[in-house]
Amino acid sequence: CPASTHTLKAINALYTVYACLVLFDRQGKVVAVSNDQYTDQVGQVLDEPWVAATLRLGDSQQYAVSALEPSRFYPQAPTYIYAAAVRAPNSDTAQGGIAVVWDAAGQMQSILADCAAGLSEQDALVLLDAQGALVQGHGSLPIDMGPVHQALHAQESIVALGEHLHGLGHAHGPGYREFGTPQGYRHGLRCLALRYLGPRQPRVPQVGDVQSKL
């Protein structure tokens, strides 16, 4: 356990996008963690669905992923946990697993802040989950996301938010390197860009045909 803890801490120090690394045995019992905040979990048995999924993995190239939700290793915000099985040499049987807890809140804010360079105070960037709920945002966030969802559903590129118009763009992310779309995994997150266009103008009344006299 001390040797495993030392190794996990060394790895985590190199990969600061991870909030914690967790090593567990074939019963789901935590053997070691990289983050001292969670040493109380050592010896505890994990019963989360991603643990059982990890122990069922067929080969070293596969991984299991948690739902986007808070966890005992990241209680402050929703995050993903990615886990792979640990096997003994020349054995197909999982001896346990190692889990990577992504620092979702910190990394999402960093991503949005980097992408927001050059935007005005009236612009916004938003990350939504697969159900359309707001996960993280940057800038002048809309109070009511209803018009945004309606515009997305209608595939419109302009959305009215209150008395102002915004250009709307969106894209799905490919995932973080090893945990991306080439392996068939879809995290469901997408980013919206809301660029301020100006105030809404009164609709011009429709005018009928004008008869000209020659």
N, C-alpha and C. Protein backbone atom coordinates (compact mmCIF):
# COMPACT_ATOMS: atom_id res chain seq x y z
N CYS A 1 0.83 -1.22 0.00
CA CYS A 1 0.00 0.00 0.00
C CYS A 1 0.86 1.27 0.00
N PRO A 2 1.89 1.39 0.84
CA PRO A 2 2.74 2.59 0.78
C PRO A 2 3.43 2.74 -0.57
N ALA A 3 3.90 1.62 -1.15
CA ALA A 3 4.57 1.70 -2.45
C ALA A 3 3.59 2.13 -3.54
N SER A 4 2.38 1.60 -3.48
CA SER A 4 1.35 1.99 -4.46
C SER A 4 1.00 3.46 -4.32
N THR A 5 0.87 3.92 -3.10
CA THR A 5 0.57 5.34 -2.84
C THR A 5 1.66 6.23 -3.41
N HIS A 6 2.91 5.86 -3.19
CA HIS A 6 4.04 6.64 -3.70
C HIS A 6 3.99 6.72 -5.23
N THR A 7 3.71 5.59 -5.88
CA THR A 7 3.64 5.56 -7.34
C THR A 7 2.49 6.41 -7.86
N LEU A 8 1.32 6.30 -7.25
CA LEU A 8 0.16 7.09 -7.68
C LEU A 8 0.43 8.59 -7.52
N LYS A 9 1.06 8.97 -6.43
CA LYS A 9 1.37 10.38 -6.22
C LYS A 9 2.35 10.90 -7.27
N ALA A 10 3.33 10.08 -7.63
CA ALA A 10 4.30 10.49 -8.64
C ALA A 10 3.62 10.69 -9.99
N ILE A 11 2.71 9.80 -10.34
CA ILE A 11 1.97 9.93 -11.60
C ILE A 11 1.08 11.16 -11.58
N ASN A 12 0.35 11.34 -10.49
CA ASN A 12 -0.58 12.47 -10.38
C ASN A 12 0.14 13.81 -10.42
N ALA A 13 1.37 13.84 -9.91
CA ALA A 13 2.14 15.09 -9.95
C ALA A 13 2.48 15.49 -11.37
N LEU A 14 2.56 14.51 -12.28
CA LEU A 14 2.86 14.79 -13.69
C LEU A 14 1.61 15.15 -14.49
N TYR A 15 0.46 14.67 -14.03
CA TYR A 15 -0.80 14.89 -14.74
C TYR A 15 -1.73 15.67 -13.82
N THR A 16 -1.60 16.97 -13.87
CA THR A 16 -2.35 17.82 -12.93
C THR A 16 -3.82 17.98 -13.32
N VAL A 17 -4.22 17.46 -14.49
CA VAL A 17 -5.64 17.53 -14.84
C VAL A 17 -6.44 16.47 -14.08
N TYR A 18 -5.74 15.59 -13.36
CA TYR A 18 -6.41 14.57 -12.56
C TYR A 18 -6.51 15.05 -11.12
N ALA A 19 -7.70 14.93 -10.54
CA ALA A 19 -7.88 15.31 -9.13
C ALA A 19 -7.39 14.22 -8.19
N CYS A 20 -7.45 12.96 -8.65
CA CYS A 20 -7.04 11.85 -7.79
C CYS A 20 -6.90 10.60 -8.65
N LEU A 21 -5.98 9.72 -8.26
CA LEU A 21 -5.86 8.38 -8.82
C LEU A 21 -6.20 7.39 -7.71
N VAL A 22 -6.95 6.35 -8.07
CA VAL A 22 -7.43 5.40 -7.07
C VAL A 22 -7.11 3.98 -7.54
N LEU A 23 -6.45 3.21 -6.67
CA LEU A 23 -6.16 1.80 -6.95
C LEU A 23 -7.05 0.95 -6.07
N PHE A 24 -7.75 -0.03 -6.66
CA PHE A 24 -8.64 -0.89 -5.88
C PHE A 24 -8.45 -2.35 -6.30
N ASP A 25 -8.79 -3.28 -5.40
CA ASP A 25 -8.58 -4.69 -5.68
C ASP A 25 -9.82 -5.31 -6.33
N ARG A 26 -9.81 -6.64 -6.50
CA ARG A 26 -10.90 -7.30 -7.24
C ARG A 26 -12.22 -7.30 -6.47
N GLN A 27 -12.18 -7.00 -5.18
CA GLN A 27 -13.42 -6.84 -4.40
C GLN A 27 -13.90 -5.39 -4.40
N GLY A 28 -13.17 -4.52 -5.07
CA GLY A 28 -13.53 -3.11 -5.08
C GLY A 28 -13.00 -2.33 -3.89
N LYS A 29 -12.18 -2.96 -3.07
CA LYS A 29 -11.63 -2.27 -1.90
C LYS A 29 -10.47 -1.37 -2.29
N VAL A 30 -10.49 -0.14 -1.79
CA VAL A 30 -9.47 0.84 -2.14
C VAL A 30 -8.15 0.45 -1.48
N VAL A 31 -7.10 0.38 -2.31
CA VAL A 31 -5.77 0.01 -1.84
C VAL A 31 -4.92 1.25 -1.61
N ALA A 32 -5.03 2.23 -2.52
CA ALA A 32 -4.21 3.44 -2.40
C ALA A 32 -4.86 4.57 -3.17
N VAL A 33 -4.57 5.81 -2.77
CA VAL A 33 -5.03 7.01 -3.46
C VAL A 33 -3.87 7.98 -3.60
N SER A 34 -3.93 8.84 -4.59
CA SER A 34 -2.85 9.80 -4.81
C SER A 34 -3.08 11.11 -4.06
N ASN A 35 -4.32 11.37 -3.66
CA ASN A 35 -4.68 12.64 -3.02
C ASN A 35 -4.93 12.40 -1.53
N ASP A 36 -4.14 13.07 -0.69
CA ASP A 36 -4.23 12.85 0.76
C ASP A 36 -5.60 13.22 1.33
N GLN A 37 -6.40 14.01 0.58
CA GLN A 37 -7.73 14.36 1.07
C GLN A 37 -8.63 13.13 1.21
N TYR A 38 -8.28 12.06 0.48
CA TYR A 38 -9.17 10.90 0.43
C TYR A 38 -8.52 9.64 1.02
N THR A 39 -7.56 9.82 1.91
CA THR A 39 -6.94 8.66 2.55
C THR A 39 -7.95 7.90 3.42
N ASP A 40 -9.03 8.56 3.83
CA ASP A 40 -10.04 7.87 4.62
C ASP A 40 -10.78 6.82 3.80
N GLN A 41 -10.62 6.85 2.47
CA GLN A 41 -11.28 5.87 1.61
C GLN A 41 -10.47 4.58 1.48
N VAL A 42 -9.19 4.62 1.87
CA VAL A 42 -8.38 3.40 1.81
C VAL A 42 -8.98 2.35 2.75
N GLY A 43 -9.21 1.17 2.20
CA GLY A 43 -9.86 0.11 2.96
C GLY A 43 -11.36 0.05 2.76
N GLN A 44 -11.95 1.12 2.19
CA GLN A 44 -13.38 1.13 1.91
C GLN A 44 -13.67 0.37 0.61
N VAL A 45 -14.84 -0.24 0.54
CA VAL A 45 -15.24 -0.97 -0.66
C VAL A 45 -16.11 -0.07 -1.54
N LEU A 46 -15.72 0.08 -2.79
CA LEU A 46 -16.45 0.91 -3.74
C LEU A 46 -17.60 0.09 -4.34
N ASP A 47 -18.79 0.67 -4.36
CA ASP A 47 -19.94 -0.03 -4.93
C ASP A 47 -20.54 0.71 -6.13
N GLU A 48 -19.81 1.69 -6.66
CA GLU A 48 -20.31 2.44 -7.79
C GLU A 48 -20.33 1.56 -9.06
N PRO A 49 -21.27 1.81 -9.99
CA PRO A 49 -21.37 0.96 -11.19
C PRO A 49 -20.10 0.89 -12.02
N TRP A 50 -19.32 1.98 -12.08
CA TRP A 50 -18.12 1.95 -12.91
C TRP A 50 -17.06 0.99 -12.37
N VAL A 51 -17.12 0.67 -11.07
CA VAL A 51 -16.16 -0.27 -10.49
C VAL A 51 -16.42 -1.68 -11.02
N ALA A 52 -17.66 -2.12 -10.96
CA ALA A 52 -18.01 -3.44 -11.49
C ALA A 52 -17.73 -3.52 -12.99
N ALA A 53 -18.02 -2.43 -13.71
CA ALA A 53 -17.76 -2.41 -15.15
C ALA A 53 -16.26 -2.55 -15.43
N THR A 54 -15.43 -1.94 -14.59
CA THR A 54 -13.98 -2.04 -14.77
C THR A 54 -13.50 -3.46 -14.60
N LEU A 55 -14.00 -4.15 -13.59
CA LEU A 55 -13.56 -5.51 -13.31
C LEU A 55 -14.03 -6.50 -14.36
N ARG A 56 -14.98 -6.10 -15.22
CA ARG A 56 -15.46 -6.96 -16.30
C ARG A 56 -14.76 -6.70 -17.62
N LEU A 57 -13.87 -5.73 -17.69
CA LEU A 57 -13.24 -5.37 -18.95
C LEU A 57 -12.43 -6.52 -19.52
N GLY A 58 -12.47 -6.64 -20.87
CA GLY A 58 -11.85 -7.80 -21.50
C GLY A 58 -10.38 -7.67 -21.83
N ASP A 59 -9.89 -6.45 -22.07
CA ASP A 59 -8.47 -6.31 -22.41
C ASP A 59 -7.95 -4.96 -21.94
N SER A 60 -6.64 -4.76 -22.12
CA SER A 60 -5.97 -3.58 -21.58
C SER A 60 -6.29 -2.29 -22.34
N GLN A 61 -6.90 -2.40 -23.51
CA GLN A 61 -7.24 -1.22 -24.28
C GLN A 61 -8.62 -0.67 -23.96
N GLN A 62 -9.37 -1.38 -23.14
CA GLN A 62 -10.72 -0.95 -22.79
C GLN A 62 -10.70 -0.17 -21.48
N TYR A 63 -11.72 0.64 -21.30
CA TYR A 63 -11.87 1.38 -20.05
C TYR A 63 -13.35 1.58 -19.74
N ALA A 64 -13.63 1.84 -18.49
CA ALA A 64 -14.99 2.13 -18.04
C ALA A 64 -15.08 3.60 -17.65
N VAL A 65 -16.26 4.18 -17.76
CA VAL A 65 -16.46 5.60 -17.46
C VAL A 65 -17.69 5.75 -16.57
N SER A 66 -17.56 6.61 -15.58
CA SER A 66 -18.70 6.90 -14.71
C SER A 66 -19.66 7.84 -15.41
N ALA A 67 -20.82 8.02 -14.82
CA ALA A 67 -21.72 9.09 -15.25
C ALA A 67 -21.11 10.43 -14.82
N LEU A 68 -21.59 11.51 -15.43
CA LEU A 68 -21.15 12.85 -15.03
C LEU A 68 -21.87 13.22 -13.74
N GLU A 69 -21.19 13.04 -12.62
CA GLU A 69 -21.81 13.25 -11.31
C GLU A 69 -20.74 13.44 -10.25
N PRO A 70 -21.10 14.06 -9.12
CA PRO A 70 -20.14 14.13 -8.01
C PRO A 70 -19.85 12.72 -7.49
N SER A 71 -18.69 12.55 -6.86
CA SER A 71 -18.33 11.25 -6.31
C SER A 71 -17.64 11.43 -4.98
N ARG A 72 -17.37 10.33 -4.32
CA ARG A 72 -16.67 10.39 -3.03
C ARG A 72 -15.25 10.94 -3.20
N PHE A 73 -14.70 10.87 -4.42
CA PHE A 73 -13.36 11.39 -4.69
C PHE A 73 -13.39 12.78 -5.33
N TYR A 74 -14.60 13.31 -5.55
CA TYR A 74 -14.75 14.64 -6.15
C TYR A 74 -16.15 15.15 -5.81
N PRO A 75 -16.39 15.49 -4.53
CA PRO A 75 -17.75 15.82 -4.09
C PRO A 75 -18.20 17.22 -4.48
N GLN A 76 -17.28 18.09 -4.89
CA GLN A 76 -17.63 19.49 -5.07
C GLN A 76 -18.35 19.80 -6.38
N ALA A 77 -18.31 18.90 -7.35
CA ALA A 77 -18.92 19.16 -8.65
C ALA A 77 -19.04 17.86 -9.43
N PRO A 78 -19.89 17.83 -10.46
CA PRO A 78 -19.95 16.63 -11.31
C PRO A 78 -18.63 16.42 -12.05
N THR A 79 -18.24 15.18 -12.22
CA THR A 79 -17.03 14.87 -12.97
C THR A 79 -17.13 13.48 -13.56
N TYR A 80 -16.18 13.16 -14.42
CA TYR A 80 -16.07 11.81 -14.97
C TYR A 80 -14.93 11.08 -14.26
N ILE A 81 -15.12 9.78 -14.06
CA ILE A 81 -14.06 8.91 -13.57
C ILE A 81 -13.81 7.86 -14.65
N TYR A 82 -12.57 7.76 -15.10
CA TYR A 82 -12.17 6.79 -16.10
C TYR A 82 -11.36 5.70 -15.41
N ALA A 83 -11.65 4.44 -15.70
CA ALA A 83 -10.98 3.35 -14.98
C ALA A 83 -10.61 2.22 -15.93
N ALA A 84 -9.47 1.59 -15.65
CA ALA A 84 -9.00 0.44 -16.41
C ALA A 84 -8.69 -0.69 -15.44
N ALA A 85 -8.76 -1.92 -15.94
CA ALA A 85 -8.48 -3.08 -15.10
C ALA A 85 -6.97 -3.26 -14.94
N VAL A 86 -6.58 -3.78 -13.78
CA VAL A 86 -5.18 -4.13 -13.51
C VAL A 86 -5.07 -5.64 -13.53
N ARG A 87 -4.14 -6.15 -14.33
CA ARG A 87 -3.98 -7.61 -14.48
C ARG A 87 -2.58 -8.04 -14.10
N ALA A 88 -2.46 -9.26 -13.60
CA ALA A 88 -1.16 -9.85 -13.35
C ALA A 88 -0.54 -10.24 -14.69
N PRO A 89 0.79 -10.34 -14.79
CA PRO A 89 1.43 -10.75 -16.04
C PRO A 89 0.89 -12.11 -16.52
N ASN A 90 0.64 -12.19 -17.84
CA ASN A 90 0.17 -13.43 -18.46
C ASN A 90 -1.15 -13.92 -17.88
N SER A 91 -1.99 -12.99 -17.45
CA SER A 91 -3.29 -13.37 -16.90
C SER A 91 -4.37 -12.49 -17.51
N ASP A 92 -5.50 -13.10 -17.82
CA ASP A 92 -6.64 -12.36 -18.36
C ASP A 92 -7.61 -11.94 -17.26
N THR A 93 -7.36 -12.37 -16.04
CA THR A 93 -8.25 -12.08 -14.93
C THR A 93 -7.87 -10.75 -14.27
N ALA A 94 -8.85 -9.88 -14.09
CA ALA A 94 -8.59 -8.59 -13.44
C ALA A 94 -8.28 -8.79 -11.97
N GLN A 95 -7.16 -8.25 -11.53
CA GLN A 95 -6.79 -8.30 -10.11
C GLN A 95 -7.36 -7.09 -9.35
N GLY A 96 -7.86 -6.14 -10.11
CA GLY A 96 -8.40 -4.92 -9.53
C GLY A 96 -8.51 -3.87 -10.62
N GLY A 97 -8.41 -2.61 -10.24
CA GLY A 97 -8.53 -1.54 -11.23
C GLY A 97 -7.86 -0.27 -10.75
N ILE A 98 -7.62 0.62 -11.70
CA ILE A 98 -7.09 1.94 -11.37
C ILE A 98 -8.01 2.98 -12.00
N ALA A 99 -8.39 3.95 -11.20
CA ALA A 99 -9.35 4.96 -11.63
C ALA A 99 -8.70 6.33 -11.69
N VAL A 100 -9.05 7.07 -12.72
CA VAL A 100 -8.58 8.43 -12.92
C VAL A 100 -9.76 9.37 -12.69
N VAL A 101 -9.66 10.22 -11.69
CA VAL A 101 -10.73 11.18 -11.37
C VAL A 101 -10.35 12.51 -12.01
N TRP A 102 -11.14 12.92 -12.98
CA TRP A 102 -10.84 14.15 -13.72
C TRP A 102 -11.20 15.37 -12.88
N ASP A 103 -10.33 16.38 -12.89
CA ASP A 103 -10.61 17.65 -12.20
C ASP A 103 -11.53 18.48 -13.08
N ALA A 104 -12.79 18.08 -13.15
CA ALA A 104 -13.74 18.65 -14.11
C ALA A 104 -13.94 20.15 -13.94
N ALA A 105 -14.23 20.59 -12.72
CA ALA A 105 -14.53 22.01 -12.51
C ALA A 105 -13.36 22.89 -12.91
N GLY A 106 -12.18 22.55 -12.44
CA GLY A 106 -11.00 23.35 -12.76
C GLY A 106 -10.66 23.33 -14.23
N GLN A 107 -10.72 22.14 -14.84
CA GLN A 107 -10.34 22.02 -16.25
C GLN A 107 -11.37 22.66 -17.18
N MET A 108 -12.65 22.51 -16.87
CA MET A 108 -13.67 23.13 -17.71
C MET A 108 -13.57 24.65 -17.67
N GLN A 109 -13.36 25.19 -16.48
CA GLN A 109 -13.22 26.64 -16.37
C GLN A 109 -11.98 27.12 -17.13
N SER A 110 -10.89 26.35 -17.06
CA SER A 110 -9.67 26.72 -17.77
C SER A 110 -9.88 26.68 -19.28
N ILE A 111 -10.58 25.65 -19.76
CA ILE A 111 -10.87 25.54 -21.19
C ILE A 111 -11.71 26.73 -21.66
N LEU A 112 -12.77 27.03 -20.92
CA LEU A 112 -13.66 28.13 -21.32
C LEU A 112 -12.93 29.47 -21.26
N ALA A 113 -12.11 29.67 -20.24
CA ALA A 113 -11.37 30.93 -20.12
C ALA A 113 -10.40 31.11 -21.28
N ASP A 114 -9.73 30.03 -21.69
CA ASP A 114 -8.82 30.10 -22.82
C ASP A 114 -9.57 30.43 -24.11
N CYS A 115 -10.71 29.79 -24.30
CA CYS A 115 -11.50 30.01 -25.52
C CYS A 115 -12.17 31.38 -25.52
N ALA A 116 -12.33 31.98 -24.36
CA ALA A 116 -13.04 33.26 -24.25
C ALA A 116 -12.14 34.46 -24.51
N ALA A 117 -10.87 34.22 -24.78
CA ALA A 117 -9.96 35.35 -25.06
C ALA A 117 -10.48 36.16 -26.24
N GLY A 118 -10.66 37.45 -26.03
CA GLY A 118 -11.14 38.33 -27.09
C GLY A 118 -12.64 38.53 -27.12
N LEU A 119 -13.39 37.80 -26.30
CA LEU A 119 -14.84 37.99 -26.27
C LEU A 119 -15.20 39.22 -25.45
N SER A 120 -16.37 39.77 -25.71
CA SER A 120 -16.83 40.93 -24.96
C SER A 120 -17.53 40.47 -23.69
N GLU A 121 -17.86 41.41 -22.81
CA GLU A 121 -18.54 41.09 -21.56
C GLU A 121 -19.96 40.59 -21.80
N GLN A 122 -20.50 40.84 -22.98
CA GLN A 122 -21.87 40.41 -23.28
C GLN A 122 -21.92 39.05 -23.98
N ASP A 123 -20.75 38.48 -24.26
CA ASP A 123 -20.69 37.16 -24.87
C ASP A 123 -20.63 36.09 -23.77
N ALA A 124 -20.88 34.84 -24.16
CA ALA A 124 -20.84 33.75 -23.19
C ALA A 124 -20.43 32.45 -23.86
N LEU A 125 -19.77 31.61 -23.10
CA LEU A 125 -19.48 30.24 -23.49
C LEU A 125 -20.10 29.32 -22.45
N VAL A 126 -20.74 28.25 -22.90
CA VAL A 126 -21.48 27.37 -22.01
C VAL A 126 -21.18 25.92 -22.35
N LEU A 127 -20.96 25.10 -21.33
CA LEU A 127 -20.85 23.65 -21.51
C LEU A 127 -22.12 23.00 -21.00
N LEU A 128 -22.75 22.19 -21.85
CA LEU A 128 -23.97 21.49 -21.50
C LEU A 128 -23.71 19.99 -21.45
N ASP A 129 -24.44 19.28 -20.58
CA ASP A 129 -24.32 17.82 -20.57
C ASP A 129 -25.26 17.22 -21.61
N ALA A 130 -25.31 15.89 -21.65
CA ALA A 130 -26.10 15.21 -22.68
C ALA A 130 -27.59 15.50 -22.56
N GLN A 131 -28.05 15.88 -21.36
CA GLN A 131 -29.47 16.21 -21.16
C GLN A 131 -29.76 17.69 -21.37
N GLY A 132 -28.74 18.47 -21.71
CA GLY A 132 -28.93 19.89 -21.96
C GLY A 132 -28.81 20.76 -20.74
N ALA A 133 -28.41 20.19 -19.60
CA ALA A 133 -28.25 20.99 -18.39
C ALA A 133 -26.89 21.69 -18.39
N LEU A 134 -26.88 22.91 -17.84
CA LEU A 134 -25.64 23.68 -17.79
C LEU A 134 -24.67 23.06 -16.80
N VAL A 135 -23.45 22.79 -17.26
CA VAL A 135 -22.41 22.22 -16.41
C VAL A 135 -21.43 23.29 -15.95
N GLN A 136 -20.93 24.08 -16.91
CA GLN A 136 -20.03 25.19 -16.60
C GLN A 136 -20.30 26.31 -17.59
N GLY A 137 -20.03 27.54 -17.17
CA GLY A 137 -20.23 28.67 -18.06
C GLY A 137 -19.20 29.75 -17.82
N HIS A 138 -19.06 30.62 -18.80
CA HIS A 138 -18.11 31.75 -18.70
C HIS A 138 -18.73 32.95 -19.41
N GLY A 139 -18.68 34.09 -18.76
CA GLY A 139 -19.19 35.31 -19.37
C GLY A 139 -20.59 35.64 -18.90
N SER A 140 -21.33 36.34 -19.77
CA SER A 140 -22.68 36.80 -19.44
C SER A 140 -23.67 35.67 -19.71
N LEU A 141 -23.89 34.83 -18.71
CA LEU A 141 -24.72 33.64 -18.91
C LEU A 141 -26.20 34.00 -18.91
N PRO A 142 -26.98 33.39 -19.79
CA PRO A 142 -28.42 33.66 -19.80
C PRO A 142 -29.09 33.13 -18.55
N ILE A 143 -30.05 33.91 -18.03
CA ILE A 143 -30.80 33.47 -16.85
C ILE A 143 -31.71 32.30 -17.20
N ASP A 144 -32.30 32.37 -18.37
CA ASP A 144 -33.22 31.33 -18.83
C ASP A 144 -32.62 30.67 -20.06
N MET A 145 -32.30 29.37 -19.96
CA MET A 145 -31.73 28.65 -21.09
C MET A 145 -32.78 28.14 -22.07
N GLY A 146 -34.06 28.35 -21.75
CA GLY A 146 -35.13 27.86 -22.60
C GLY A 146 -35.01 28.31 -24.05
N PRO A 147 -34.86 29.64 -24.31
CA PRO A 147 -34.73 30.08 -25.70
C PRO A 147 -33.53 29.47 -26.42
N VAL A 148 -32.45 29.21 -25.68
CA VAL A 148 -31.27 28.60 -26.29
C VAL A 148 -31.58 27.17 -26.73
N HIS A 149 -32.25 26.40 -25.86
CA HIS A 149 -32.61 25.03 -26.23
C HIS A 149 -33.57 25.02 -27.42
N GLN A 150 -34.51 25.97 -27.46
CA GLN A 150 -35.44 26.04 -28.58
C GLN A 150 -34.70 26.35 -29.88
N ALA A 151 -33.73 27.26 -29.82
CA ALA A 151 -32.96 27.61 -31.01
C ALA A 151 -32.11 26.43 -31.47
N LEU A 152 -31.54 25.69 -30.52
CA LEU A 152 -30.75 24.52 -30.89
C LEU A 152 -31.62 23.47 -31.56
N HIS A 153 -32.80 23.23 -30.99
CA HIS A 153 -33.72 22.24 -31.55
C HIS A 153 -34.14 22.63 -32.97
N ALA A 154 -34.35 23.93 -33.19
CA ALA A 154 -34.78 24.41 -34.50
C ALA A 154 -33.60 24.66 -35.44
N GLN A 155 -32.38 24.40 -34.96
CA GLN A 155 -31.16 24.61 -35.74
C GLN A 155 -31.04 26.06 -36.23
N GLU A 156 -31.37 26.98 -35.34
CA GLU A 156 -31.27 28.40 -35.66
C GLU A 156 -29.93 28.94 -35.20
N SER A 157 -29.43 29.93 -35.90
CA SER A 157 -28.12 30.49 -35.58
C SER A 157 -28.21 31.82 -34.82
N ILE A 158 -29.44 32.29 -34.57
CA ILE A 158 -29.64 33.51 -33.79
C ILE A 158 -30.70 33.23 -32.73
N VAL A 159 -30.44 33.68 -31.51
CA VAL A 159 -31.38 33.45 -30.43
C VAL A 159 -31.65 34.78 -29.73
N ALA A 160 -32.90 35.00 -29.36
CA ALA A 160 -33.29 36.21 -28.63
C ALA A 160 -33.28 35.90 -27.14
N LEU A 161 -32.45 36.64 -26.40
CA LEU A 161 -32.38 36.52 -24.96
C LEU A 161 -32.81 37.84 -24.35
N GLY A 162 -34.06 37.87 -23.86
CA GLY A 162 -34.61 39.12 -23.36
C GLY A 162 -34.76 40.10 -24.51
N GLU A 163 -34.17 41.27 -24.36
CA GLU A 163 -34.27 42.31 -25.38
C GLU A 163 -33.04 42.37 -26.28
N HIS A 164 -32.27 41.29 -26.29
CA HIS A 164 -31.03 41.30 -27.07
C HIS A 164 -30.92 40.04 -27.92
N LEU A 165 -30.19 40.17 -29.03
CA LEU A 165 -29.97 39.06 -29.94
C LEU A 165 -28.53 38.56 -29.82
N HIS A 166 -28.38 37.24 -29.87
CA HIS A 166 -27.06 36.62 -29.83
C HIS A 166 -26.91 35.64 -30.99
N GLY A 167 -25.74 35.62 -31.58
CA GLY A 167 -25.41 34.55 -32.51
C GLY A 167 -25.11 33.29 -31.73
N LEU A 168 -25.55 32.14 -32.25
CA LEU A 168 -25.44 30.88 -31.52
C LEU A 168 -24.66 29.86 -32.34
N GLY A 169 -23.59 29.34 -31.76
CA GLY A 169 -22.84 28.25 -32.37
C GLY A 169 -22.62 27.16 -31.35
N HIS A 170 -22.50 25.92 -31.80
CA HIS A 170 -22.29 24.83 -30.83
C HIS A 170 -21.51 23.70 -31.49
N ALA A 171 -20.83 22.91 -30.66
CA ALA A 171 -20.04 21.78 -31.15
C ALA A 171 -19.89 20.75 -30.05
N HIS A 172 -19.82 19.47 -30.44
CA HIS A 172 -19.54 18.39 -29.51
C HIS A 172 -18.03 18.19 -29.43
N GLY A 173 -17.54 17.98 -28.21
CA GLY A 173 -16.12 17.74 -28.02
C GLY A 173 -15.75 16.29 -28.34
N PRO A 174 -14.55 16.06 -28.85
CA PRO A 174 -14.12 14.69 -29.17
C PRO A 174 -13.68 13.89 -27.96
N GLY A 175 -13.53 14.53 -26.81
CA GLY A 175 -13.05 13.83 -25.63
C GLY A 175 -11.59 14.13 -25.38
N TYR A 176 -11.12 13.74 -24.21
CA TYR A 176 -9.75 14.03 -23.81
C TYR A 176 -8.82 12.89 -24.24
N ARG A 177 -8.07 13.09 -25.30
CA ARG A 177 -7.05 12.17 -25.78
C ARG A 177 -7.47 10.70 -25.71
N GLU A 178 -6.93 9.94 -24.76
CA GLU A 178 -7.20 8.51 -24.71
C GLU A 178 -8.66 8.19 -24.49
N PHE A 179 -9.41 9.13 -23.91
CA PHE A 179 -10.81 8.87 -23.59
C PHE A 179 -11.71 9.60 -24.57
N GLY A 180 -11.50 9.37 -25.85
CA GLY A 180 -12.24 10.11 -26.86
C GLY A 180 -13.00 9.20 -27.81
N THR A 181 -13.44 9.78 -28.92
CA THR A 181 -14.32 9.08 -29.85
C THR A 181 -13.70 7.92 -30.59
N PRO A 182 -12.37 7.85 -30.82
CA PRO A 182 -11.86 6.67 -31.54
C PRO A 182 -12.20 5.35 -30.89
N GLN A 183 -12.38 5.34 -29.55
CA GLN A 183 -12.74 4.10 -28.86
C GLN A 183 -14.26 3.91 -28.78
N GLY A 184 -15.01 4.80 -29.41
CA GLY A 184 -16.45 4.64 -29.42
C GLY A 184 -17.16 5.28 -28.25
N TYR A 185 -16.43 5.91 -27.33
CA TYR A 185 -17.06 6.54 -26.16
C TYR A 185 -17.54 7.94 -26.50
N ARG A 186 -18.74 8.28 -26.08
CA ARG A 186 -19.31 9.61 -26.29
C ARG A 186 -19.66 10.21 -24.93
N HIS A 187 -18.99 11.28 -24.56
CA HIS A 187 -19.23 11.86 -23.23
C HIS A 187 -20.49 12.71 -23.17
N GLY A 188 -20.99 13.18 -24.31
CA GLY A 188 -22.24 13.93 -24.33
C GLY A 188 -22.11 15.42 -24.12
N LEU A 189 -20.94 15.90 -23.73
CA LEU A 189 -20.77 17.34 -23.50
C LEU A 189 -20.71 18.09 -24.83
N ARG A 190 -21.28 19.29 -24.82
CA ARG A 190 -21.10 20.17 -25.98
C ARG A 190 -20.96 21.60 -25.49
N CYS A 191 -20.28 22.38 -26.30
CA CYS A 191 -20.01 23.77 -25.96
C CYS A 191 -20.85 24.68 -26.84
N LEU A 192 -21.45 25.69 -26.22
CA LEU A 192 -22.20 26.71 -26.94
C LEU A 192 -21.46 28.03 -26.86
N ALA A 193 -21.46 28.74 -27.98
CA ALA A 193 -20.91 30.09 -28.02
C ALA A 193 -22.06 31.06 -28.29
N LEU A 194 -22.22 32.05 -27.42
CA LEU A 194 -23.26 33.08 -27.58
C LEU A 194 -22.56 34.41 -27.78
N ARG A 195 -22.61 34.93 -29.01
CA ARG A 195 -21.96 36.19 -29.34
C ARG A 195 -23.02 37.29 -29.45
N TYR A 196 -22.81 38.37 -28.72
CA TYR A 196 -23.79 39.45 -28.69
C TYR A 196 -23.85 40.15 -30.04
N LEU A 197 -25.07 40.32 -30.58
CA LEU A 197 -25.27 40.98 -31.86
C LEU A 197 -25.84 42.39 -31.73
N GLY A 198 -26.69 42.59 -30.71
CA GLY A 198 -27.28 43.91 -30.53
C GLY A 198 -28.68 43.80 -29.98
N PRO A 199 -29.31 44.95 -29.72
CA PRO A 199 -30.68 44.93 -29.18
C PRO A 199 -31.69 44.50 -30.24
N ARG A 200 -32.77 43.91 -29.76
CA ARG A 200 -33.86 43.56 -30.67
C ARG A 200 -34.54 44.83 -31.16
N GLN A 201 -34.86 44.87 -32.44
CA GLN A 201 -35.54 46.01 -33.03
C GLN A 201 -37.02 45.69 -33.21
N PRO A 202 -37.89 46.72 -33.10
CA PRO A 202 -39.31 46.47 -33.34
C PRO A 202 -39.52 45.93 -34.75
N ARG A 203 -40.43 44.98 -34.85
CA ARG A 203 -40.72 44.40 -36.16
C ARG A 203 -41.37 45.45 -37.06
N VAL A 204 -40.89 45.57 -38.27
CA VAL A 204 -41.45 46.53 -39.23
C VAL A 204 -42.80 46.01 -39.70
N PRO A 205 -43.87 46.83 -39.59
CA PRO A 205 -45.18 46.36 -40.04
C PRO A 205 -45.18 46.06 -41.52
N GLN A 206 -45.92 45.00 -41.90
CA GLN A 206 -45.96 44.60 -43.28
C GLN A 206 -46.77 45.61 -44.09
N VAL A 207 -46.24 46.04 -45.20
CA VAL A 207 -46.88 47.03 -46.04
C VAL A 207 -47.36 46.36 -47.31
N GLY A 208 -48.63 46.64 -47.71
CA GLY A 208 -49.16 46.03 -48.91
C GLY A 208 -48.56 46.62 -50.17
N ASP A 209 -48.92 46.06 -51.31
CA ASP A 209 -48.43 46.58 -52.59
C ASP A 209 -48.94 48.00 -52.80
N VAL A 210 -48.09 48.84 -53.34
CA VAL A 210 -48.44 50.22 -53.62
C VAL A 210 -48.80 50.35 -55.11
N GLN A 211 -49.99 50.87 -55.40
CA GLN A 211 -50.43 51.08 -56.78
C GLN A 211 -49.87 52.42 -57.26
N SER A 212 -49.16 52.37 -58.32
CA SER A 212 -48.60 53.62 -58.88
C SER A 212 -49.49 54.07 -60.04
N LYS A 213 -49.62 55.37 -60.15
CA LYS A 213 -50.42 55.94 -61.24
C LYS A 213 -49.47 56.48 -62.31
N LEU A 214 -49.67 56.04 -63.50
CA LEU A 214 -48.84 56.51 -64.60
C LEU A 214 -49.60 57.57 -65.39
